[in-house]
Protein backbone atom coordinates (compact mmCIF):
# COMPACT_ATOMS: atom_id res chain seq x y z
CA UNK A 1 -12.28 -46.56 197.68
CA UNK A 2 -9.56 -49.14 197.11
CA UNK A 3 -6.79 -48.88 194.50
CA UNK A 4 -3.38 -50.38 193.95
CA UNK A 5 -0.87 -47.61 193.42
CA UNK A 6 2.86 -47.30 192.69
CA UNK A 7 4.74 -46.18 195.79
CA UNK A 8 8.46 -45.71 195.25
CA UNK A 9 8.76 -48.65 192.82
CA UNK A 10 6.37 -51.00 194.59
CA UNK A 11 2.64 -51.63 194.07
CA UNK A 12 0.73 -51.20 197.34
CA UNK A 13 -2.93 -51.21 198.25
CA UNK A 14 -4.67 -47.98 199.38
CA UNK A 15 -8.16 -48.13 200.87
CA UNK A 16 -8.68 -44.40 201.31
CA UNK A 17 -8.61 -43.13 197.69
CA UNK A 18 -11.18 -40.40 197.08
CA UNK A 19 -14.16 -41.48 195.04
CA UNK A 20 -14.00 -40.18 191.47
CA UNK A 21 -16.90 -37.94 190.46
CA UNK A 22 -17.88 -37.69 186.79
CA UNK A 23 -17.91 -34.27 185.18
CA UNK A 24 -19.66 -33.35 181.93
CA UNK A 25 -18.91 -35.80 179.12
CA UNK A 26 -17.57 -38.34 181.61
CA UNK A 27 -18.97 -41.58 183.12
CA UNK A 28 -18.19 -43.33 186.37
CA UNK A 29 -17.43 -46.97 185.88
CA UNK A 30 -16.76 -50.04 188.02
CA UNK A 31 -13.63 -51.75 186.81
CA UNK A 32 -14.36 -55.37 186.04
CA UNK A 33 -10.91 -56.38 184.69
CA UNK A 34 -7.60 -54.71 183.95
CA UNK A 35 -4.58 -56.38 182.37
CA UNK A 36 -1.05 -55.73 183.70
CA UNK A 37 1.00 -54.33 180.84
CA UNK A 38 4.72 -54.76 180.40
CA UNK A 39 5.05 -51.00 180.18
CA UNK A 40 3.72 -50.82 183.71
CA UNK A 41 6.41 -53.16 184.88
CA UNK A 42 8.96 -51.00 183.05
CA UNK A 43 7.61 -47.86 184.64
CA UNK A 44 7.75 -49.35 188.10
CA UNK A 45 11.50 -49.99 187.64
CA UNK A 46 12.51 -47.21 185.29
CA UNK A 47 9.95 -44.45 185.88
CA UNK A 48 12.42 -41.71 186.61
CA UNK A 49 14.43 -42.54 183.48
CA UNK A 50 11.27 -42.65 181.38
CA UNK A 51 10.30 -39.19 182.62
CA UNK A 52 13.81 -37.89 181.86
CA UNK A 53 13.70 -39.23 178.34
CA UNK A 54 10.19 -38.00 177.85
CA UNK A 55 11.15 -34.48 178.98
CA UNK A 56 13.87 -34.37 176.29
CA UNK A 57 11.32 -34.75 173.50
CA UNK A 58 8.26 -33.12 175.02
CA UNK A 59 6.09 -30.56 173.33
CA UNK A 60 2.65 -29.39 174.35
CA UNK A 61 2.78 -30.87 177.87
CA UNK A 62 2.46 -34.59 177.06
CA UNK A 63 5.08 -36.74 175.45
CA UNK A 64 4.30 -39.18 172.65
CA UNK A 65 4.63 -41.99 175.19
CA UNK A 66 1.73 -40.63 177.19
CA UNK A 67 3.83 -39.26 180.07
CA UNK A 68 2.31 -36.16 181.62
CA UNK A 69 4.65 -33.38 182.62
CA UNK A 70 4.68 -32.78 186.38
CA UNK A 71 4.24 -36.41 187.38
CA UNK A 72 5.66 -36.81 190.87
CA UNK A 73 7.15 -40.21 191.67
CA UNK A 74 7.33 -39.27 195.34
CA UNK A 75 3.55 -39.36 195.41
CA UNK A 76 1.21 -42.29 194.67
CA UNK A 77 0.96 -43.07 190.97
CA UNK A 78 -2.25 -44.51 189.50
CA UNK A 79 -1.83 -47.00 186.64
CA UNK A 80 -3.78 -49.57 184.62
CA UNK A 81 -4.73 -48.87 181.01
CA UNK A 82 -5.99 -52.28 179.76
CA UNK A 83 -9.46 -52.34 181.16
CA UNK A 84 -13.10 -53.36 180.78
CA UNK A 85 -15.67 -51.82 183.06
CA UNK A 86 -19.40 -51.45 183.84
CA UNK A 87 -20.98 -47.98 183.57
CA UNK A 88 -22.40 -46.89 186.96
CA UNK A 89 -23.24 -43.21 186.47
CA UNK A 90 -23.34 -40.64 183.67
CA UNK A 91 -22.01 -37.17 184.36
CA UNK A 92 -24.12 -34.01 184.39
CA UNK A 93 -25.36 -32.70 181.06
CA UNK A 94 -24.00 -35.73 179.35
CA UNK A 95 -25.71 -37.85 176.75
CA UNK A 96 -24.35 -41.35 176.48
CA UNK A 97 -25.85 -44.19 174.44
CA UNK A 98 -24.07 -46.55 176.86
CA UNK A 99 -25.77 -45.98 180.18
CA UNK A 100 -25.59 -47.72 183.60
CA UNK A 101 -25.20 -51.45 183.37
CA UNK A 102 -23.25 -51.34 180.04
CA UNK A 103 -20.01 -53.28 179.81
CA UNK A 104 -17.52 -51.08 178.01
CA UNK A 105 -13.89 -50.47 177.16
CA UNK A 106 -12.10 -47.41 175.92
CA UNK A 107 -8.90 -46.01 174.61
CA UNK A 108 -7.14 -44.91 177.85
CA UNK A 109 -7.57 -41.16 177.50
CA UNK A 110 -9.66 -38.95 179.77
CA UNK A 111 -11.03 -35.62 178.57
CA UNK A 112 -11.93 -33.33 181.47
CA UNK A 113 -12.27 -29.70 182.60
CA UNK A 114 -8.47 -29.46 182.97
CA UNK A 115 -7.70 -30.78 179.52
CA UNK A 116 -6.55 -34.21 178.33
CA UNK A 117 -4.74 -36.79 180.39
CA UNK A 118 -3.75 -40.30 179.40
CA UNK A 119 -5.01 -42.99 181.69
CA UNK A 120 -1.54 -44.47 181.93
CA UNK A 121 0.56 -43.00 184.74
CA UNK A 122 -0.90 -40.17 186.88
CA UNK A 123 -0.99 -38.73 190.38
CA UNK A 124 -4.59 -37.65 189.89
CA UNK A 125 -6.33 -39.66 187.15
CA UNK A 126 -7.30 -43.05 188.44
CA UNK A 127 -6.56 -46.09 186.23
CA UNK A 128 -7.77 -49.61 186.02
CA UNK A 129 -6.02 -50.86 189.17
CA UNK A 130 -8.88 -49.49 191.20
CA UNK A 131 -12.48 -50.28 192.10
CA UNK A 132 -13.86 -47.33 190.10
CA UNK A 133 -12.57 -44.80 187.59
CA UNK A 134 -13.74 -42.20 185.13
CA UNK A 135 -13.97 -42.51 181.37
CA UNK A 136 -14.88 -40.16 178.58
CA UNK A 137 -18.42 -40.79 177.48
CA UNK A 138 -17.73 -40.24 173.77
CA UNK A 139 -14.77 -42.67 173.81
CA UNK A 140 -16.74 -45.68 175.07
CA UNK A 141 -16.99 -48.87 173.05
CA UNK A 142 -19.63 -51.43 174.06
CA UNK A 143 -18.23 -54.89 174.70
CA UNK A 144 -20.20 -57.12 172.21
CA UNK A 145 -21.28 -60.73 171.98
CA UNK A 146 -21.38 -61.31 175.79
CA UNK A 147 -17.52 -61.25 175.83
CA UNK A 148 -16.05 -61.77 179.26
CA UNK A 149 -14.57 -58.62 180.83
CA UNK A 150 -11.15 -60.27 181.36
CA UNK A 151 -10.99 -60.99 177.61
CA UNK A 152 -12.26 -57.58 176.63
CA UNK A 153 -9.53 -56.02 178.75
CA UNK A 154 -7.00 -57.42 176.31
CA UNK A 155 -8.31 -55.17 173.52
CA UNK A 156 -5.64 -52.58 174.25
CA UNK A 157 -2.55 -54.79 174.00
CA UNK A 158 -3.90 -56.59 170.92
CA UNK A 159 -4.38 -53.23 169.28
CA UNK A 160 -0.63 -52.54 169.81
CA UNK A 161 0.20 -55.64 167.76
CA UNK A 162 -2.30 -54.77 165.06
CA UNK A 163 -0.86 -51.28 164.74
CA UNK A 164 2.64 -52.71 164.35
CA UNK A 165 1.47 -55.09 161.61
CA UNK A 166 -0.41 -52.31 159.82
CA UNK A 167 2.67 -50.05 159.94
CA UNK A 168 4.74 -52.83 158.41
CA UNK A 169 2.54 -52.80 155.26
CA UNK A 170 3.06 -56.54 155.03
CA UNK A 171 1.35 -57.89 151.94
CA UNK A 172 0.33 -61.06 150.23
CA UNK A 173 3.13 -63.46 149.65
CA UNK A 174 5.35 -61.94 152.30
CA UNK A 175 6.41 -63.71 155.46
CA UNK A 176 7.25 -62.48 158.94
CA UNK A 177 9.86 -63.08 161.64
CA UNK A 178 8.88 -62.11 165.19
CA UNK A 179 11.70 -61.78 167.71
CA UNK A 180 10.44 -62.03 171.25
CA UNK A 181 7.16 -63.73 172.32
CA UNK A 182 6.18 -61.64 175.29
CA UNK A 183 2.69 -60.11 175.26
CA UNK A 184 3.65 -57.60 172.56
CA UNK A 185 5.26 -60.18 170.28
CA UNK A 186 2.27 -62.45 170.78
CA UNK A 187 -0.11 -59.64 169.85
CA UNK A 188 1.88 -59.13 166.69
CA UNK A 189 1.66 -62.86 165.85
CA UNK A 190 -2.12 -62.81 166.43
CA UNK A 191 -2.49 -59.82 164.09
CA UNK A 192 -0.33 -61.38 161.42
CA UNK A 193 -2.34 -64.57 161.52
CA UNK A 194 -5.62 -62.60 161.43
CA UNK A 195 -4.35 -60.85 158.27
CA UNK A 196 -3.54 -64.17 156.68
CA UNK A 197 0.20 -63.96 156.53
CA UNK A 198 1.35 -67.24 155.02
CA UNK A 199 4.40 -67.90 157.19
CA UNK A 200 5.21 -66.60 160.68
CA UNK A 201 8.49 -67.55 162.33
CA UNK A 202 8.74 -66.71 166.04
CA UNK A 203 11.87 -66.85 168.24
CA UNK A 204 12.01 -66.83 172.04
CA UNK A 205 14.13 -68.49 174.72
CA UNK A 206 11.06 -69.49 176.74
CA UNK A 207 9.38 -72.83 175.87
CA UNK A 208 6.13 -71.55 177.45
CA UNK A 209 6.20 -68.44 175.23
CA UNK A 210 7.03 -70.45 172.11
CA UNK A 211 4.01 -72.66 172.86
CA UNK A 212 1.80 -69.59 173.17
CA UNK A 213 3.20 -68.28 169.88
CA UNK A 214 2.09 -71.43 168.14
CA UNK A 215 -1.34 -71.26 169.72
CA UNK A 216 -1.77 -67.65 168.54
CA UNK A 217 -0.75 -68.47 164.99
CA UNK A 218 3.01 -68.91 164.49
CA UNK A 219 3.76 -71.52 161.88
CA UNK A 220 7.36 -72.13 163.11
CA UNK A 221 9.10 -71.41 166.40
CA UNK A 222 12.77 -71.49 167.31
CA UNK A 223 14.87 -71.50 170.49
CA UNK A 224 17.77 -69.03 169.83
CA UNK A 225 20.01 -71.11 172.04
CA UNK A 226 19.74 -73.99 169.57
CA UNK A 227 19.32 -72.20 166.26
CA UNK A 228 19.25 -68.53 165.22
CA UNK A 229 16.11 -67.12 163.75
CA UNK A 230 18.08 -66.38 160.57
CA UNK A 231 19.24 -70.01 160.25
CA UNK A 232 15.66 -71.22 160.77
CA UNK A 233 14.47 -68.66 158.22
CA UNK A 234 16.92 -70.00 155.64
CA UNK A 235 15.91 -73.59 156.56
CA UNK A 236 12.27 -72.80 156.09
CA UNK A 237 12.94 -72.41 152.38
CA UNK A 238 11.54 -68.91 152.32
CA UNK A 239 14.86 -67.20 151.72
CA UNK A 240 14.95 -63.63 150.53
CA UNK A 241 13.71 -60.60 152.42
CA UNK A 242 11.46 -60.73 155.50
CA UNK A 243 9.25 -58.46 157.53
CA UNK A 244 10.89 -58.52 160.92
CA UNK A 245 9.23 -57.47 164.19
CA UNK A 246 11.64 -56.67 167.06
CA UNK A 247 9.67 -57.21 170.29
CA UNK A 248 12.51 -57.71 172.74
CA UNK A 249 13.64 -54.21 173.64
CA UNK A 250 17.14 -54.77 174.91
CA UNK A 251 20.38 -53.13 173.73
CA UNK A 252 22.14 -54.90 170.82
CA UNK A 253 19.06 -56.43 169.27
CA UNK A 254 18.61 -53.86 166.54
CA UNK A 255 22.25 -54.06 165.48
CA UNK A 256 22.05 -57.91 165.47
CA UNK A 257 19.01 -57.72 163.20
CA UNK A 258 20.74 -55.32 160.84
CA UNK A 259 23.84 -57.50 160.75
CA UNK A 260 21.97 -60.81 160.23
CA UNK A 261 18.74 -60.08 158.39
CA UNK A 262 18.32 -60.86 154.72
CA UNK A 263 18.84 -57.95 152.38
CA UNK A 264 15.85 -55.84 151.52
CA UNK A 265 14.04 -56.71 154.75
CA UNK A 266 11.77 -54.34 156.64
CA UNK A 267 12.32 -54.06 160.37
CA UNK A 268 9.46 -52.91 162.69
CA UNK A 269 10.68 -51.98 166.16
CA UNK A 270 7.91 -52.45 168.70
CA UNK A 271 10.00 -53.46 171.69
CA UNK A 272 10.80 -50.54 174.04
CA UNK A 273 14.46 -50.34 174.99
CA UNK A 274 15.07 -48.11 178.01
CA UNK A 275 18.84 -47.80 177.52
CA UNK A 276 21.05 -46.05 174.99
CA UNK A 277 21.87 -48.34 172.08
CA UNK A 278 24.12 -48.28 169.08
CA UNK A 279 23.98 -49.86 165.60
CA UNK A 280 26.24 -49.96 162.56
CA UNK A 281 24.68 -48.03 159.66
CA UNK A 282 26.89 -49.98 157.18
CA UNK A 283 24.76 -53.06 157.73
CA UNK A 284 21.57 -51.24 156.91
CA UNK A 285 23.07 -49.41 153.96
CA UNK A 286 24.64 -52.51 152.45
CA UNK A 287 21.40 -54.45 152.64
CA UNK A 288 19.02 -51.54 151.93
CA UNK A 289 17.05 -52.26 155.07
CA UNK A 290 13.97 -50.29 156.00
CA UNK A 291 13.35 -49.54 159.72
CA UNK A 292 10.06 -48.41 161.27
CA UNK A 293 9.51 -47.50 164.95
CA UNK A 294 5.95 -47.85 166.22
CA UNK A 295 3.95 -46.92 169.34
CA UNK A 296 0.31 -47.47 170.38
CA UNK A 297 -2.52 -47.66 167.88
CA UNK A 298 -5.19 -45.71 166.06
CA UNK A 299 -8.86 -45.61 167.28
CA UNK A 300 -9.93 -47.77 164.38
CA UNK A 301 -7.31 -50.38 165.29
CA UNK A 302 -8.54 -50.42 168.91
CA UNK A 303 -12.10 -51.02 167.69
CA UNK A 304 -10.99 -53.71 165.22
CA UNK A 305 -9.13 -55.51 167.95
CA UNK A 306 -12.25 -55.53 170.17
CA UNK A 307 -14.27 -56.91 167.28
CA UNK A 308 -11.68 -59.60 166.47
CA UNK A 309 -11.60 -60.81 170.06
CA UNK A 310 -15.39 -60.77 170.43
CA UNK A 311 -15.96 -62.65 167.15
CA UNK A 312 -13.28 -65.27 167.79
CA UNK A 313 -10.82 -64.15 165.12
CA UNK A 314 -8.27 -63.84 167.93
CA UNK A 315 -8.34 -66.21 170.94
CA UNK A 316 -6.78 -64.28 173.81
CA UNK A 317 -7.75 -66.85 176.43
CA UNK A 318 -4.37 -68.64 176.38
CA UNK A 319 -2.59 -65.43 177.25
CA UNK A 320 -4.33 -65.01 180.61
CA UNK A 321 -2.38 -67.11 183.08
CA UNK A 322 -3.85 -65.69 186.35
CA UNK A 323 -6.45 -63.38 187.75
CA UNK A 324 -5.83 -61.47 191.02
CA UNK A 325 -7.54 -58.98 193.27
CA UNK A 326 -6.24 -55.48 194.07
CA UNK A 327 -4.44 -56.81 197.17
CA UNK A 328 -2.27 -59.07 194.92
CA UNK A 329 -1.14 -56.59 192.29
CA UNK A 330 2.29 -56.28 193.97
CA UNK A 331 2.71 -60.05 193.81
CA UNK A 332 1.58 -60.07 190.19
CA UNK A 333 4.21 -57.50 189.21
CA UNK A 334 6.90 -59.79 190.67
CA UNK A 335 5.39 -62.93 189.23
CA UNK A 336 5.40 -61.61 185.67
CA UNK A 337 9.18 -61.63 185.78
CA UNK A 338 9.08 -65.41 185.18
CA UNK A 339 8.02 -66.14 181.58
CA UNK A 340 7.62 -69.79 182.26
CA UNK A 341 4.89 -69.15 184.81
CA UNK A 342 2.95 -66.10 183.55
CA UNK A 343 2.24 -64.17 180.41
CA UNK A 344 -0.70 -61.87 181.18
CA UNK A 345 -2.13 -61.42 184.63
CA UNK A 346 -5.53 -59.71 184.83
CA UNK A 347 -6.61 -57.72 187.87
CA UNK A 348 -10.25 -58.16 188.80
CA UNK A 349 -11.20 -55.52 191.42
C-alpha cells in the first residue's frame, strides 16, 4: 500500500506499507481526501522540540497535544488527521450502522487492542496521507447531503475554530478581532459569522488571506503594515473592549496584544507558538484582561462543524487552493509556505 510519510523532516512516498487490518470495533476505510494541517507543517520542522515540550507535561502516556510517548523520529512517521473516507470493511464481531460504501469522517482517535492512539503522528497508526487506514466504528460520522469528500475533510480544522469561539463565550452585542488569517484564523472567522457576531475585524499581512477572511465572513480587514488592528478597531467606531483571537503563534504577539488591546478585553490564544515567549503582566493587570488558551474541540463541536459545512452555513470551498496525490505531498508541504499561493491543500489518495 502507498502512503506519504515523514522521513527526517521531509515527506516521502512509500509503496510498501503493510495493509492495515481492522480489529474488533474498527473499520477499514479508503481515504478519499485529507487536508494538510498547519500543525503537520510545524511537526515536520519542529517535531523533536514538540516531543520535548510534550514530555515535560505528560501524564498517562499521551500529552494534551496528542503526542504519543515513544514516537521515534528516526523511523517513518504517519500523519494526516483531516480526512474523509469510504468504508471498505467492518472488523470482526463489530456492528456498524455505517457499512461498506459509506462516506464518513471521524475525530482522529483510534481505539484498538493496545489502547488509544491519536491519528496525528505515529510510527504505527496510519493516518490520512495513505490509501487506506483504520477508524473506530463507534466514532464514525456519516457525511450528509452528498457533500464532496474534499469539503468534508475540512470538518476537523473548522471544529478548531468553533471550539475557540465557544471558549471565548462571545455574546450578543460583542465584536471580535482576529489576528492572523491562516487556516486557523479563517476557521475562527467562519465560526464567528455562523454565530452571528455583528462585527469581525481581521488582520493579516497577506492580501490573499485578507480576501479569504472577507469571503468567510469578516466585516473589516486590515494590513498591519498600513494600520494596526487597534487603530482600525478604534476607527470602526466600536471602541471599548473586544474579544481577540490570536491565531499567529509567534513570539511577541501575546505581549503586543496585552500592551495594545482595549481594557477589559478577552484574549483567546489559538495560535501555537513553538518558542519560549515573555509578556509583561503589568499590561494585563492594568487593563483587567482575560486570557484563554485553547486546543482542539469537543465531539459535539466536530459534529456541528460537519453539519454546518454540509448545510451551507460555512462555505469551505474558497479555502481549498489545490488538490494533490500522495506523490505530491512533499511539494505541498513546501508550497504551503507561500500564503499568496495556497491556503489549504487537500491530498486525494
